[in-house]
Amino acid sequence: MKSSPLFRLLCVACLAFASVMAWAATPPDNVNVRYKDPQHFTEAKRSFGMHLIDADDYLKPLKDYIVQRASRILAPGQRLDVEVTDVDRAGEYEPWRGPRFDDVRIVKDIYPPRIDLDFTLYGADGKVLRQGHRKLRDLSFLSHNFAADQDSLRYEKSLIDLWLRKGAGNL
């Protein structure tokens, strides 16, 4: 039985889509992110009682995001090592609001997100191109249009995007 051209085209499209998805699911190997003493992060110090937060709920997705975004700005052969030294997510718990708000993170401009990190950028030859310490801050984080974004890490991811937007040469 002979297949139609439309069927063949659909099969090719499905195979192409599957290969792209497999490629996207493979984490890049040119970016390494690690956390230095995450139990001492500002966010972890605020995690207790009703506000107990599983660190993996925000650290794993944040790490994955940094790896994916940073790999896009690197030239072929470059490698980036990032050591996150502190995370303070946007918002705060305000216990004075009463028991109905015990597990509600209140996001206001007085509670901006903060991420501190050290980085080393290596060239294709293995030599250090840039390294340094960055204190990522965005005091105007609420002025960005996040209305449709329901990602609980949208403000922290925005900090990463602001840092990486400069490109590898200006980290």
N, C-alpha and C. Protein backbone atom coordinates (compact mmCIF):
# COMPACT_ATOMS: atom_id res chain seq x y z
N MET A 1 0.84 -1.18 0.00
CA MET A 1 0.00 0.00 0.00
C MET A 1 0.89 1.24 0.00
N LYS A 2 0.55 2.17 -0.81
CA LYS A 2 1.33 3.38 -0.99
C LYS A 2 0.83 4.45 0.00
N SER A 3 1.77 5.12 0.69
CA SER A 3 1.38 6.17 1.64
C SER A 3 1.29 7.51 0.93
N SER A 4 0.44 8.33 1.43
CA SER A 4 0.24 9.64 0.80
C SER A 4 1.40 10.57 1.14
N PRO A 5 1.63 11.58 0.31
CA PRO A 5 2.69 12.56 0.60
C PRO A 5 2.45 13.29 1.93
N LEU A 6 1.20 13.52 2.25
CA LEU A 6 0.87 14.19 3.51
C LEU A 6 1.27 13.32 4.69
N PHE A 7 1.03 12.01 4.60
CA PHE A 7 1.40 11.09 5.65
C PHE A 7 2.92 11.05 5.84
N ARG A 8 3.65 11.01 4.72
CA ARG A 8 5.12 11.00 4.80
C ARG A 8 5.64 12.28 5.42
N LEU A 9 5.04 13.41 5.04
CA LEU A 9 5.44 14.70 5.60
C LEU A 9 5.18 14.73 7.10
N LEU A 10 4.05 14.21 7.51
CA LEU A 10 3.71 14.15 8.92
C LEU A 10 4.71 13.28 9.68
N CYS A 11 5.10 12.16 9.11
CA CYS A 11 6.09 11.28 9.75
C CYS A 11 7.43 11.98 9.90
N VAL A 12 7.87 12.68 8.88
CA VAL A 12 9.14 13.42 8.95
C VAL A 12 9.06 14.50 10.02
N ALA A 13 7.94 15.20 10.08
CA ALA A 13 7.76 16.26 11.08
C ALA A 13 7.80 15.67 12.49
N CYS A 14 7.17 14.54 12.69
CA CYS A 14 7.16 13.89 14.01
C CYS A 14 8.57 13.46 14.41
N LEU A 15 9.32 12.90 13.47
CA LEU A 15 10.69 12.50 13.77
C LEU A 15 11.57 13.72 14.09
N ALA A 16 11.38 14.79 13.35
CA ALA A 16 12.15 16.01 13.62
C ALA A 16 11.80 16.56 14.99
N PHE A 17 10.53 16.58 15.32
CA PHE A 17 10.09 17.07 16.63
C PHE A 17 10.67 16.21 17.74
N ALA A 18 10.65 14.90 17.58
CA ALA A 18 11.18 13.98 18.59
C ALA A 18 12.68 14.20 18.80
N SER A 19 13.41 14.44 17.72
CA SER A 19 14.86 14.66 17.87
C SER A 19 15.15 15.99 18.55
N VAL A 20 14.36 17.01 18.25
CA VAL A 20 14.53 18.31 18.93
C VAL A 20 14.21 18.18 20.41
N MET A 21 13.15 17.46 20.74
CA MET A 21 12.78 17.27 22.14
C MET A 21 13.85 16.48 22.89
N ALA A 22 14.43 15.49 22.26
CA ALA A 22 15.51 14.72 22.89
C ALA A 22 16.72 15.60 23.12
N TRP A 23 17.02 16.46 22.16
CA TRP A 23 18.14 17.38 22.31
C TRP A 23 17.87 18.37 23.44
N ALA A 24 16.65 18.89 23.52
CA ALA A 24 16.29 19.87 24.54
C ALA A 24 16.29 19.25 25.93
N ALA A 25 15.99 17.96 26.02
CA ALA A 25 15.94 17.29 27.31
C ALA A 25 17.33 17.00 27.85
N THR A 26 18.34 16.98 26.99
CA THR A 26 19.70 16.74 27.41
C THR A 26 20.30 18.03 27.94
N PRO A 27 20.69 18.04 29.23
CA PRO A 27 21.25 19.28 29.77
C PRO A 27 22.61 19.59 29.13
N PRO A 28 22.86 20.85 28.88
CA PRO A 28 24.16 21.23 28.30
C PRO A 28 25.29 20.88 29.26
N ASP A 29 26.43 20.51 28.70
CA ASP A 29 27.57 20.15 29.55
C ASP A 29 28.61 21.26 29.64
N ASN A 30 28.29 22.44 29.10
CA ASN A 30 29.26 23.54 29.15
C ASN A 30 29.00 24.52 30.30
N VAL A 31 28.00 24.23 31.13
CA VAL A 31 27.69 25.07 32.29
C VAL A 31 27.56 24.17 33.51
N ASN A 32 28.29 24.51 34.56
CA ASN A 32 28.23 23.77 35.81
C ASN A 32 27.75 24.73 36.90
N VAL A 33 26.67 24.37 37.59
CA VAL A 33 26.14 25.20 38.67
C VAL A 33 26.13 24.38 39.94
N ARG A 34 26.63 24.96 41.01
CA ARG A 34 26.58 24.30 42.31
C ARG A 34 26.20 25.34 43.36
N TYR A 35 25.71 24.85 44.47
CA TYR A 35 25.31 25.72 45.57
C TYR A 35 26.29 25.55 46.72
N LYS A 36 26.75 26.66 47.26
CA LYS A 36 27.67 26.63 48.40
C LYS A 36 26.86 26.80 49.68
N ASP A 37 26.79 25.77 50.47
CA ASP A 37 26.09 25.77 51.76
C ASP A 37 24.67 26.30 51.66
N PRO A 38 23.81 25.65 50.88
CA PRO A 38 22.45 26.15 50.71
C PRO A 38 21.65 26.21 52.02
N GLN A 39 22.06 25.43 53.02
CA GLN A 39 21.36 25.49 54.31
C GLN A 39 21.61 26.81 55.03
N HIS A 40 22.58 27.60 54.55
CA HIS A 40 22.87 28.91 55.14
C HIS A 40 22.36 30.07 54.27
N PHE A 41 21.68 29.75 53.19
CA PHE A 41 21.10 30.80 52.35
C PHE A 41 20.08 31.59 53.16
N THR A 42 19.91 32.84 52.81
CA THR A 42 18.91 33.68 53.46
C THR A 42 17.54 33.03 53.37
N GLU A 43 17.22 32.47 52.23
CA GLU A 43 15.92 31.81 52.04
C GLU A 43 15.76 30.64 53.00
N ALA A 44 16.82 29.87 53.19
CA ALA A 44 16.76 28.71 54.09
C ALA A 44 16.58 29.14 55.54
N LYS A 45 17.19 30.24 55.92
CA LYS A 45 17.08 30.73 57.30
C LYS A 45 15.65 31.15 57.62
N ARG A 46 14.90 31.52 56.61
CA ARG A 46 13.51 31.93 56.81
C ARG A 46 12.56 30.75 56.73
N SER A 47 13.09 29.58 56.43
CA SER A 47 12.27 28.39 56.25
C SER A 47 12.16 27.63 57.57
N PHE A 48 11.01 27.79 58.23
CA PHE A 48 10.78 27.10 59.50
C PHE A 48 9.27 27.04 59.76
N GLY A 49 8.89 26.12 60.62
CA GLY A 49 7.49 26.00 61.01
C GLY A 49 6.55 25.96 59.83
N MET A 50 5.56 26.85 59.84
CA MET A 50 4.57 26.93 58.77
C MET A 50 5.22 27.28 57.42
N HIS A 51 6.38 27.94 57.48
CA HIS A 51 7.04 28.42 56.28
C HIS A 51 8.15 27.48 55.81
N LEU A 52 8.12 26.25 56.29
CA LEU A 52 9.14 25.28 55.92
C LEU A 52 9.08 25.02 54.42
N ILE A 53 10.19 25.27 53.76
CA ILE A 53 10.28 25.14 52.31
C ILE A 53 11.29 24.04 52.00
N ASP A 54 10.91 23.13 51.14
CA ASP A 54 11.84 22.13 50.66
C ASP A 54 12.78 22.83 49.68
N ALA A 55 14.05 22.89 50.02
CA ALA A 55 15.03 23.62 49.19
C ALA A 55 15.03 23.13 47.75
N ASP A 56 14.78 21.84 47.55
CA ASP A 56 14.77 21.31 46.17
C ASP A 56 13.64 21.90 45.34
N ASP A 57 12.60 22.41 46.00
CA ASP A 57 11.48 23.00 45.27
C ASP A 57 11.89 24.25 44.50
N TYR A 58 12.92 24.95 44.97
CA TYR A 58 13.36 26.14 44.25
C TYR A 58 14.81 26.04 43.77
N LEU A 59 15.65 25.28 44.43
CA LEU A 59 17.06 25.21 44.02
C LEU A 59 17.26 24.39 42.75
N LYS A 60 16.60 23.27 42.64
CA LYS A 60 16.76 22.44 41.43
C LYS A 60 16.26 23.17 40.18
N PRO A 61 15.03 23.73 40.19
CA PRO A 61 14.58 24.45 38.99
C PRO A 61 15.44 25.68 38.68
N LEU A 62 15.94 26.35 39.72
CA LEU A 62 16.79 27.51 39.49
C LEU A 62 18.11 27.09 38.85
N LYS A 63 18.68 26.00 39.33
CA LYS A 63 19.92 25.48 38.74
C LYS A 63 19.71 25.11 37.28
N ASP A 64 18.63 24.39 37.00
CA ASP A 64 18.32 23.99 35.62
C ASP A 64 18.15 25.21 34.72
N TYR A 65 17.53 26.24 35.25
CA TYR A 65 17.30 27.46 34.48
C TYR A 65 18.64 28.15 34.16
N ILE A 66 19.50 28.26 35.15
CA ILE A 66 20.81 28.89 34.94
C ILE A 66 21.59 28.12 33.87
N VAL A 67 21.59 26.80 33.97
CA VAL A 67 22.32 25.97 33.00
C VAL A 67 21.78 26.21 31.59
N GLN A 68 20.47 26.15 31.43
CA GLN A 68 19.87 26.31 30.10
C GLN A 68 20.14 27.69 29.52
N ARG A 69 19.95 28.73 30.33
CA ARG A 69 20.11 30.10 29.83
C ARG A 69 21.57 30.44 29.58
N ALA A 70 22.45 30.05 30.47
CA ALA A 70 23.87 30.38 30.31
C ALA A 70 24.47 29.66 29.12
N SER A 71 24.04 28.45 28.86
CA SER A 71 24.61 27.70 27.74
C SER A 71 24.33 28.39 26.41
N ARG A 72 23.28 29.18 26.34
CA ARG A 72 22.92 29.87 25.10
C ARG A 72 23.86 31.02 24.75
N ILE A 73 24.52 31.60 25.74
CA ILE A 73 25.37 32.76 25.47
C ILE A 73 26.83 32.41 25.26
N LEU A 74 27.18 31.15 25.51
CA LEU A 74 28.58 30.76 25.40
C LEU A 74 28.95 30.44 23.96
N ALA A 75 30.16 30.83 23.61
CA ALA A 75 30.70 30.48 22.30
C ALA A 75 31.10 29.00 22.31
N PRO A 76 31.19 28.38 21.15
CA PRO A 76 31.62 26.98 21.10
C PRO A 76 32.94 26.77 21.83
N GLY A 77 32.96 25.77 22.69
CA GLY A 77 34.17 25.45 23.45
C GLY A 77 34.28 26.15 24.79
N GLN A 78 33.53 27.22 25.00
CA GLN A 78 33.58 27.91 26.29
C GLN A 78 32.86 27.09 27.35
N ARG A 79 33.27 27.33 28.59
CA ARG A 79 32.66 26.65 29.73
C ARG A 79 32.47 27.66 30.86
N LEU A 80 31.37 27.54 31.59
CA LEU A 80 31.06 28.46 32.68
C LEU A 80 30.79 27.66 33.94
N ASP A 81 31.50 28.00 35.01
CA ASP A 81 31.26 27.43 36.33
C ASP A 81 30.62 28.51 37.18
N VAL A 82 29.51 28.19 37.83
CA VAL A 82 28.80 29.13 38.68
C VAL A 82 28.62 28.50 40.05
N GLU A 83 29.00 29.25 41.08
CA GLU A 83 28.76 28.81 42.46
C GLU A 83 27.85 29.83 43.11
N VAL A 84 26.62 29.42 43.39
CA VAL A 84 25.64 30.31 44.02
C VAL A 84 25.92 30.30 45.52
N THR A 85 26.12 31.50 46.09
CA THR A 85 26.48 31.60 47.51
C THR A 85 25.32 32.08 48.38
N ASP A 86 24.27 32.65 47.78
CA ASP A 86 23.10 33.04 48.57
C ASP A 86 21.90 33.23 47.65
N VAL A 87 20.73 32.88 48.16
CA VAL A 87 19.47 33.11 47.46
C VAL A 87 18.48 33.65 48.48
N ASP A 88 17.84 34.74 48.11
CA ASP A 88 16.75 35.30 48.90
C ASP A 88 15.63 35.59 47.91
N ARG A 89 14.62 34.76 47.92
CA ARG A 89 13.54 34.91 46.95
C ARG A 89 12.72 36.16 47.22
N ALA A 90 12.05 36.62 46.18
CA ALA A 90 11.20 37.81 46.31
C ALA A 90 10.06 37.51 47.27
N GLY A 91 9.70 38.52 48.03
CA GLY A 91 8.58 38.38 48.95
C GLY A 91 9.00 37.95 50.33
N GLU A 92 8.04 37.98 51.22
CA GLU A 92 8.30 37.65 52.62
C GLU A 92 6.99 37.21 53.26
N TYR A 93 7.11 36.45 54.31
CA TYR A 93 5.94 36.09 55.10
C TYR A 93 5.71 37.20 56.12
N GLU A 94 4.48 37.59 56.29
CA GLU A 94 4.13 38.66 57.22
C GLU A 94 3.18 38.09 58.28
N PRO A 95 3.75 37.54 59.37
CA PRO A 95 2.92 36.86 60.37
C PRO A 95 1.89 37.76 61.05
N TRP A 96 2.12 39.05 61.06
CA TRP A 96 1.18 39.97 61.70
C TRP A 96 -0.15 40.07 60.96
N ARG A 97 -0.21 39.51 59.77
CA ARG A 97 -1.46 39.54 59.01
C ARG A 97 -2.49 38.54 59.55
N GLY A 98 -2.04 37.62 60.38
CA GLY A 98 -2.96 36.66 60.97
C GLY A 98 -2.78 35.26 60.43
N PRO A 99 -3.44 34.29 61.08
CA PRO A 99 -3.23 32.88 60.73
C PRO A 99 -3.68 32.50 59.32
N ARG A 100 -4.60 33.22 58.74
CA ARG A 100 -5.03 32.88 57.38
C ARG A 100 -3.93 33.18 56.36
N PHE A 101 -2.94 33.95 56.75
CA PHE A 101 -1.85 34.32 55.84
C PHE A 101 -0.52 33.66 56.22
N ASP A 102 -0.56 32.66 57.10
CA ASP A 102 0.67 32.02 57.57
C ASP A 102 1.51 31.44 56.44
N ASP A 103 0.89 30.94 55.41
CA ASP A 103 1.64 30.30 54.34
C ASP A 103 1.60 31.09 53.04
N VAL A 104 1.37 32.40 53.17
CA VAL A 104 1.28 33.27 51.99
C VAL A 104 2.51 34.17 51.93
N ARG A 105 3.23 34.07 50.84
CA ARG A 105 4.39 34.94 50.64
C ARG A 105 3.87 36.24 50.03
N ILE A 106 4.10 37.34 50.73
CA ILE A 106 3.67 38.65 50.28
C ILE A 106 4.79 39.27 49.47
N VAL A 107 4.50 39.61 48.21
CA VAL A 107 5.51 40.18 47.33
C VAL A 107 5.26 41.68 47.23
N LYS A 108 6.24 42.45 47.72
CA LYS A 108 6.22 43.91 47.67
C LYS A 108 7.59 44.38 47.22
N ASP A 109 7.66 45.64 46.81
CA ASP A 109 8.95 46.15 46.37
C ASP A 109 9.99 46.21 47.49
N ILE A 110 9.57 46.13 48.74
CA ILE A 110 10.54 46.15 49.84
C ILE A 110 11.15 44.77 50.10
N TYR A 111 10.68 43.76 49.38
CA TYR A 111 11.20 42.40 49.49
C TYR A 111 11.72 41.93 48.13
N PRO A 112 12.76 42.57 47.59
CA PRO A 112 13.24 42.19 46.25
C PRO A 112 14.00 40.85 46.28
N PRO A 113 14.08 40.20 45.13
CA PRO A 113 14.87 38.97 45.04
C PRO A 113 16.36 39.32 45.04
N ARG A 114 17.15 38.39 45.59
CA ARG A 114 18.61 38.56 45.60
C ARG A 114 19.27 37.22 45.33
N ILE A 115 20.28 37.25 44.51
CA ILE A 115 21.11 36.07 44.27
C ILE A 115 22.56 36.53 44.25
N ASP A 116 23.39 35.89 45.06
CA ASP A 116 24.83 36.16 45.06
C ASP A 116 25.52 34.94 44.47
N LEU A 117 26.52 35.20 43.62
CA LEU A 117 27.21 34.08 42.99
C LEU A 117 28.64 34.45 42.63
N ASP A 118 29.44 33.42 42.48
CA ASP A 118 30.80 33.52 41.95
C ASP A 118 30.79 32.76 40.62
N PHE A 119 31.59 33.23 39.67
CA PHE A 119 31.62 32.55 38.38
C PHE A 119 33.02 32.55 37.81
N THR A 120 33.28 31.57 36.95
CA THR A 120 34.51 31.51 36.18
C THR A 120 34.14 31.08 34.76
N LEU A 121 34.57 31.88 33.80
CA LEU A 121 34.33 31.61 32.39
C LEU A 121 35.65 31.16 31.78
N TYR A 122 35.62 29.97 31.15
CA TYR A 122 36.81 29.41 30.52
C TYR A 122 36.66 29.46 29.01
N GLY A 123 37.78 29.72 28.34
CA GLY A 123 37.80 29.70 26.89
C GLY A 123 37.92 28.29 26.38
N ALA A 124 37.86 28.14 25.06
CA ALA A 124 37.96 26.82 24.44
C ALA A 124 39.30 26.16 24.75
N ASP A 125 40.34 26.97 25.02
CA ASP A 125 41.66 26.44 25.35
C ASP A 125 41.81 26.11 26.83
N GLY A 126 40.75 26.33 27.63
CA GLY A 126 40.80 26.02 29.06
C GLY A 126 41.29 27.15 29.93
N LYS A 127 41.71 28.25 29.31
CA LYS A 127 42.21 29.39 30.09
C LYS A 127 41.04 30.21 30.63
N VAL A 128 41.25 30.82 31.79
CA VAL A 128 40.22 31.65 32.40
C VAL A 128 40.09 32.96 31.62
N LEU A 129 38.89 33.22 31.13
CA LEU A 129 38.61 34.46 30.41
C LEU A 129 38.09 35.55 31.34
N ARG A 130 37.22 35.17 32.26
CA ARG A 130 36.63 36.11 33.22
C ARG A 130 36.27 35.34 34.48
N GLN A 131 36.33 36.03 35.58
CA GLN A 131 35.82 35.47 36.82
C GLN A 131 35.47 36.61 37.75
N GLY A 132 34.59 36.33 38.67
CA GLY A 132 34.20 37.38 39.58
C GLY A 132 33.06 36.97 40.50
N HIS A 133 32.63 37.93 41.29
CA HIS A 133 31.52 37.77 42.22
C HIS A 133 30.43 38.74 41.80
N ARG A 134 29.21 38.29 41.77
CA ARG A 134 28.10 39.16 41.40
C ARG A 134 27.01 39.10 42.45
N LYS A 135 26.48 40.26 42.75
CA LYS A 135 25.31 40.39 43.62
C LYS A 135 24.17 40.83 42.71
N LEU A 136 23.33 39.88 42.34
CA LEU A 136 22.24 40.15 41.42
C LEU A 136 21.06 40.75 42.19
N ARG A 137 20.65 41.93 41.78
CA ARG A 137 19.55 42.65 42.42
C ARG A 137 18.71 43.32 41.35
N ASP A 138 17.45 43.48 41.63
CA ASP A 138 16.56 44.25 40.75
C ASP A 138 15.50 44.89 41.63
N LEU A 139 15.77 46.12 42.05
CA LEU A 139 14.85 46.81 42.94
C LEU A 139 13.56 47.21 42.25
N SER A 140 13.55 47.17 40.93
CA SER A 140 12.33 47.50 40.18
C SER A 140 11.67 46.24 39.64
N PHE A 141 11.87 45.11 40.32
CA PHE A 141 11.37 43.83 39.82
C PHE A 141 9.86 43.80 39.63
N LEU A 142 9.13 44.57 40.38
CA LEU A 142 7.67 44.57 40.25
C LEU A 142 7.19 45.39 39.05
N SER A 143 8.07 46.19 38.47
CA SER A 143 7.66 46.99 37.32
C SER A 143 7.69 46.20 36.02
N HIS A 144 8.27 45.00 36.05
CA HIS A 144 8.28 44.14 34.86
C HIS A 144 6.91 43.50 34.71
N ASN A 145 6.55 43.18 33.50
CA ASN A 145 5.24 42.62 33.24
C ASN A 145 5.25 41.10 33.44
N PHE A 146 4.90 40.67 34.64
CA PHE A 146 4.82 39.26 34.96
C PHE A 146 3.38 38.81 35.15
N ALA A 147 2.43 39.61 34.68
CA ALA A 147 1.00 39.36 34.95
C ALA A 147 0.57 37.94 34.59
N ALA A 148 0.99 37.44 33.46
CA ALA A 148 0.55 36.12 33.01
C ALA A 148 1.47 35.00 33.50
N ASP A 149 2.61 35.34 34.05
CA ASP A 149 3.59 34.35 34.47
C ASP A 149 3.27 33.85 35.87
N GLN A 150 2.96 32.58 35.99
CA GLN A 150 2.63 32.00 37.29
C GLN A 150 3.79 31.20 37.88
N ASP A 151 4.96 31.28 37.27
CA ASP A 151 6.14 30.58 37.76
C ASP A 151 6.53 31.17 39.11
N SER A 152 6.67 30.33 40.12
CA SER A 152 7.01 30.82 41.46
C SER A 152 8.43 31.38 41.54
N LEU A 153 9.25 31.12 40.52
CA LEU A 153 10.62 31.65 40.49
C LEU A 153 10.79 32.74 39.43
N ARG A 154 9.71 33.34 38.99
CA ARG A 154 9.79 34.31 37.89
C ARG A 154 10.70 35.50 38.22
N TYR A 155 10.70 35.97 39.44
CA TYR A 155 11.52 37.12 39.81
C TYR A 155 13.01 36.73 39.88
N GLU A 156 13.29 35.55 40.40
CA GLU A 156 14.67 35.09 40.49
C GLU A 156 15.23 34.76 39.11
N LYS A 157 14.41 34.17 38.27
CA LYS A 157 14.83 33.87 36.90
C LYS A 157 15.08 35.16 36.12
N SER A 158 14.33 36.18 36.41
CA SER A 158 14.54 37.47 35.77
C SER A 158 15.91 38.04 36.15
N LEU A 159 16.33 37.83 37.39
CA LEU A 159 17.68 38.27 37.80
C LEU A 159 18.75 37.57 36.96
N ILE A 160 18.59 36.28 36.76
CA ILE A 160 19.55 35.51 35.96
C ILE A 160 19.56 36.05 34.53
N ASP A 161 18.38 36.30 33.97
CA ASP A 161 18.29 36.83 32.60
C ASP A 161 18.97 38.20 32.49
N LEU A 162 18.78 39.06 33.48
CA LEU A 162 19.41 40.39 33.45
C LEU A 162 20.93 40.26 33.47
N TRP A 163 21.44 39.32 34.24
CA TRP A 163 22.89 39.11 34.33
C TRP A 163 23.43 38.56 33.01
N LEU A 164 22.77 37.57 32.46
CA LEU A 164 23.26 36.91 31.25
C LEU A 164 23.01 37.71 29.97
N ARG A 165 22.10 38.63 30.03
CA ARG A 165 21.76 39.43 28.85
C ARG A 165 22.98 40.18 28.29
N LYS A 166 23.93 40.49 29.13
CA LYS A 166 25.13 41.22 28.72
C LYS A 166 26.03 40.39 27.82
N GLY A 167 25.85 39.07 27.86
CA GLY A 167 26.68 38.19 27.05
C GLY A 167 27.88 37.69 27.83
N ALA A 168 28.52 36.65 27.33
CA ALA A 168 29.61 36.01 28.03
C ALA A 168 30.79 36.95 28.26
N GLY A 169 31.03 37.86 27.33
CA GLY A 169 32.16 38.77 27.47
C GLY A 169 31.99 39.83 28.54
N ASN A 170 30.77 40.01 29.03
CA ASN A 170 30.50 41.05 30.03
C ASN A 170 29.85 40.53 31.30
N LEU A 171 30.07 39.27 31.58
CA LEU A 171 29.49 38.71 32.80
C LEU A 171 30.01 39.48 33.99
